[in-house]
C-alpha cells in the first residue's frame, strides 16, 4: 500500500552526525507531516527513523528505494504493511538543493531526478 501526502514546506538540518528532513504544512499545527532522520554517531544498520502524523508510519526502517525530484519525495520501506510513502512539496531552488544534499547523505540509494534524468 502507498500513502500519499501533499505538504507545503520542507526544511532540513544537520548537527554533526545527525541529519533531518521535515515535510510539513506552511503553518505550525497538528496537521500532516513527514519527518525522516538518520544518525551516524553509532552503527545503525543503515536504518532511518521515520515519523508521520499517522501512527502506522513511525519507527526505524531500512529504505529499500528512494526517489527525489523537484516537487516529490518517495521512499519504499522494508516492512510488511504500508511500505511506500510519497510526499509532494513546494520549495525554492536553494532549499531544494540543500534538501537533496541532506537526503543523499541519509539515504545512499537515493535517486535524484534532474530534468527528466536520474543523477545518482
C-alpha atoms as a PDB file:
ATOM      1  CA  UNK A   1       0.000   0.000   0.000  1.00  0.00           C
ATOM      2  CA  UNK A   2       1.153   3.550  -0.692  1.00  0.00           C
ATOM      3  CA  UNK A   3       0.409   6.613   1.391  1.00  0.00           C
ATOM      4  CA  UNK A   4       0.457   9.948  -0.460  1.00  0.00           C
ATOM      5  CA  UNK A   5       0.754  13.242   1.396  1.00  0.00           C
ATOM      6  CA  UNK A   6       0.738  16.736  -0.093  1.00  0.00           C
ATOM      7  CA  UNK A   7       2.581  19.303   2.022  1.00  0.00           C
ATOM      8  CA  UNK A   8       3.595  22.937   1.602  1.00  0.00           C
ATOM      9  CA  UNK A   9       7.018  23.137   3.194  1.00  0.00           C
ATOM     10  CA  UNK A  10      10.284  21.241   3.512  1.00  0.00           C
ATOM     11  CA  UNK A  11      13.176  22.033   5.844  1.00  0.00           C
ATOM     12  CA  UNK A  12      16.372  20.276   6.773  1.00  0.00           C
ATOM     13  CA  UNK A  13      19.022  20.351   9.451  1.00  0.00           C
ATOM     14  CA  UNK A  14      22.317  18.767  10.286  1.00  0.00           C
ATOM     15  CA  UNK A  15      24.223  18.751  13.545  1.00  0.00           C
ATOM     16  CA  UNK A  16      27.446  16.789  13.481  1.00  0.00           C
ATOM     17  CA  UNK A  17      26.470  13.185  12.748  1.00  0.00           C
ATOM     18  CA  UNK A  18      22.707  13.861  12.915  1.00  0.00           C
ATOM     19  CA  UNK A  19      20.609  14.707   9.851  1.00  0.00           C
ATOM     20  CA  UNK A  20      16.924  15.515   9.472  1.00  0.00           C
ATOM     21  CA  UNK A  21      14.421  16.472   6.767  1.00  0.00           C
ATOM     22  CA  UNK A  22      10.934  17.642   7.722  1.00  0.00           C
ATOM     23  CA  UNK A  23       7.989  17.966   5.329  1.00  0.00           C
ATOM     24  CA  UNK A  24       5.029  19.843   6.775  1.00  0.00           C
ATOM     25  CA  UNK A  25       2.349  22.445   6.388  1.00  0.00           C
ATOM     26  CA  UNK A  26       3.425  26.058   5.913  1.00  0.00           C
ATOM     27  CA  UNK A  27       1.743  26.919   9.225  1.00  0.00           C
ATOM     28  CA  UNK A  28       2.583  25.339  12.574  1.00  0.00           C
ATOM     29  CA  UNK A  29      -0.001  22.964  13.925  1.00  0.00           C
ATOM     30  CA  UNK A  30      -1.149  19.415  14.258  1.00  0.00           C
ATOM     31  CA  UNK A  31      -1.578  18.774  10.538  1.00  0.00           C
ATOM     32  CA  UNK A  32       0.074  16.114   8.405  1.00  0.00           C
ATOM     33  CA  UNK A  33       3.859  15.871   8.335  1.00  0.00           C
ATOM     34  CA  UNK A  34       6.709  13.539   7.451  1.00  0.00           C
ATOM     35  CA  UNK A  35       9.982  13.559   9.370  1.00  0.00           C
ATOM     36  CA  UNK A  36      12.984  11.472   8.368  1.00  0.00           C
ATOM     37  CA  UNK A  37      16.165  11.326  10.466  1.00  0.00           C
ATOM     38  CA  UNK A  38      19.438   9.461  10.482  1.00  0.00           C
ATOM     39  CA  UNK A  39      22.424   9.486  12.785  1.00  0.00           C
ATOM     40  CA  UNK A  40      25.951   8.272  12.026  1.00  0.00           C
ATOM     41  CA  UNK A  41      27.432   8.519  15.518  1.00  0.00           C
ATOM     42  CA  UNK A  42      26.645   4.871  16.290  1.00  0.00           C
ATOM     43  CA  UNK A  43      26.259   1.901  13.949  1.00  0.00           C
ATOM     44  CA  UNK A  44      22.601   1.933  12.925  1.00  0.00           C
ATOM     45  CA  UNK A  45      22.472  -0.863  10.361  1.00  0.00           C
ATOM     46  CA  UNK A  46      21.507   1.639   7.674  1.00  0.00           C
ATOM     47  CA  UNK A  47      18.158   2.424   9.315  1.00  0.00           C
ATOM     48  CA  UNK A  48      16.357   5.751   9.045  1.00  0.00           C
ATOM     49  CA  UNK A  49      13.897   6.978  11.615  1.00  0.00           C
ATOM     50  CA  UNK A  50      10.570   7.899  10.020  1.00  0.00           C
ATOM     51  CA  UNK A  51       7.743   9.692  11.760  1.00  0.00           C
ATOM     52  CA  UNK A  52       4.441  10.922  10.392  1.00  0.00           C
ATOM     53  CA  UNK A  53       1.107  12.103  11.721  1.00  0.00           C
ATOM     54  CA  UNK A  54      -0.111   8.528  11.052  1.00  0.00           C
ATOM     55  CA  UNK A  55       0.866   6.116  13.857  1.00  0.00           C
ATOM     56  CA  UNK A  56       1.407   3.318  11.296  1.00  0.00           C
ATOM     57  CA  UNK A  57       4.423   5.193   9.950  1.00  0.00           C
ATOM     58  CA  UNK A  58       6.606   5.678  12.994  1.00  0.00           C
ATOM     59  CA  UNK A  59       9.807   3.761  13.619  1.00  0.00           C
ATOM     60  CA  UNK A  60      13.255   2.815  12.361  1.00  0.00           C
ATOM     61  CA  UNK A  61      13.205   1.340   8.860  1.00  0.00           C
ATOM     62  CA  UNK A  62      15.562   0.269   6.121  1.00  0.00           C
ATOM     63  CA  UNK A  63      14.948   2.328   2.973  1.00  0.00           C
ATOM     64  CA  UNK A  64      14.843  -0.061   0.020  1.00  0.00           C
ATOM     65  CA  UNK A  65      14.311   2.547  -2.701  1.00  0.00           C
ATOM     66  CA  UNK A  66      14.011   6.344  -2.706  1.00  0.00           C
ATOM     67  CA  UNK A  67      13.497   8.987  -5.366  1.00  0.00           C
ATOM     68  CA  UNK A  68      13.581  12.767  -5.171  1.00  0.00           C
ATOM     69  CA  UNK A  69      12.591  15.283  -7.805  1.00  0.00           C
ATOM     70  CA  UNK A  70      11.860  18.988  -7.615  1.00  0.00           C
ATOM     71  CA  UNK A  71       8.408  18.505  -6.057  1.00  0.00           C
ATOM     72  CA  UNK A  72       8.193  14.870  -4.903  1.00  0.00           C
ATOM     73  CA  UNK A  73       9.975  12.544  -2.497  1.00  0.00           C
ATOM     74  CA  UNK A  74       9.085   8.864  -2.410  1.00  0.00           C
ATOM     75  CA  UNK A  75      10.523   6.002  -0.456  1.00  0.00           C
ATOM     76  CA  UNK A  76       9.909   2.315  -0.088  1.00  0.00           C
ATOM     77  CA  UNK A  77      10.482   0.879   3.357  1.00  0.00           C
ATOM     78  CA  UNK A  78      11.416  -2.661   4.317  1.00  0.00           C
ATOM     79  CA  UNK A  79       8.383  -3.674   6.359  1.00  0.00           C
ATOM     80  CA  UNK A  80       5.298  -5.838   5.950  1.00  0.00           C
ATOM     81  CA  UNK A  81       2.493  -3.311   5.539  1.00  0.00           C
ATOM     82  CA  UNK A  82       2.243   0.287   4.344  1.00  0.00           C
ATOM     83  CA  UNK A  83       5.665   0.093   2.738  1.00  0.00           C
ATOM     84  CA  UNK A  84       5.559   3.123   0.403  1.00  0.00           C
ATOM     85  CA  UNK A  85       5.414   6.798   1.297  1.00  0.00           C
ATOM     86  CA  UNK A  86       5.155   9.608  -1.254  1.00  0.00           C
ATOM     87  CA  UNK A  87       5.330  13.296  -0.351  1.00  0.00           C
ATOM     88  CA  UNK A  88       4.708  16.191  -2.709  1.00  0.00           C
ATOM     89  CA  UNK A  89       6.039  19.538  -1.541  1.00  0.00           C
ATOM     90  CA  UNK A  90       6.870  23.100  -2.532  1.00  0.00           C
ATOM     91  CA  UNK A  91      10.220  24.832  -2.065  1.00  0.00           C
ATOM     92  CA  UNK A  92      12.579  27.251  -3.753  1.00  0.00           C
ATOM     93  CA  UNK A  93      15.694  26.134  -5.639  1.00  0.00           C
ATOM     94  CA  UNK A  94      18.335  26.879  -2.944  1.00  0.00           C
ATOM     95  CA  UNK A  95      16.312  24.986  -0.321  1.00  0.00           C
ATOM     96  CA  UNK A  96      15.729  22.080  -2.730  1.00  0.00           C
ATOM     97  CA  UNK A  97      19.475  21.789  -3.380  1.00  0.00           C
ATOM     98  CA  UNK A  98      20.145  21.599   0.360  1.00  0.00           C
ATOM     99  CA  UNK A  99      17.320  19.070   0.936  1.00  0.00           C
ATOM    100  CA  UNK A 100      18.779  16.951  -1.859  1.00  0.00           C
ATOM    101  CA  UNK A 101      22.257  17.100  -0.284  1.00  0.00           C
ATOM    102  CA  UNK A 102      20.983  16.045   3.154  1.00  0.00           C
ATOM    103  CA  UNK A 103      18.792  13.220   1.790  1.00  0.00           C
ATOM    104  CA  UNK A 104      21.740  11.858  -0.240  1.00  0.00           C
ATOM    105  CA  UNK A 105      23.772  11.617   2.959  1.00  0.00           C
ATOM    106  CA  UNK A 106      20.949   9.911   4.863  1.00  0.00           C
ATOM    107  CA  UNK A 107      19.826   7.592   2.059  1.00  0.00           C
ATOM    108  CA  UNK A 108      22.739   6.416  -0.116  1.00  0.00           C
ATOM    109  CA  UNK A 109      20.384   4.641  -2.561  1.00  0.00           C
ATOM    110  CA  UNK A 110      18.503   7.911  -3.269  1.00  0.00           C
ATOM    111  CA  UNK A 111      17.942   8.587  -6.975  1.00  0.00           C
ATOM    112  CA  UNK A 112      17.627  12.305  -7.701  1.00  0.00           C
ATOM    113  CA  UNK A 113      15.737  13.076 -10.897  1.00  0.00           C
ATOM    114  CA  UNK A 114      17.091  16.176 -12.606  1.00  0.00           C
ATOM    115  CA  UNK A 115      15.404  17.460 -15.778  1.00  0.00           C
ATOM    116  CA  UNK A 116      13.892  14.075 -16.687  1.00  0.00           C
ATOM    117  CA  UNK A 117      17.101  12.183 -15.966  1.00  0.00           C
ATOM    118  CA  UNK A 118      18.399  10.455 -12.869  1.00  0.00           C
ATOM    119  CA  UNK A 119      21.539  11.683 -11.090  1.00  0.00           C
ATOM    120  CA  UNK A 120      22.836   9.100  -8.649  1.00  0.00           C
END
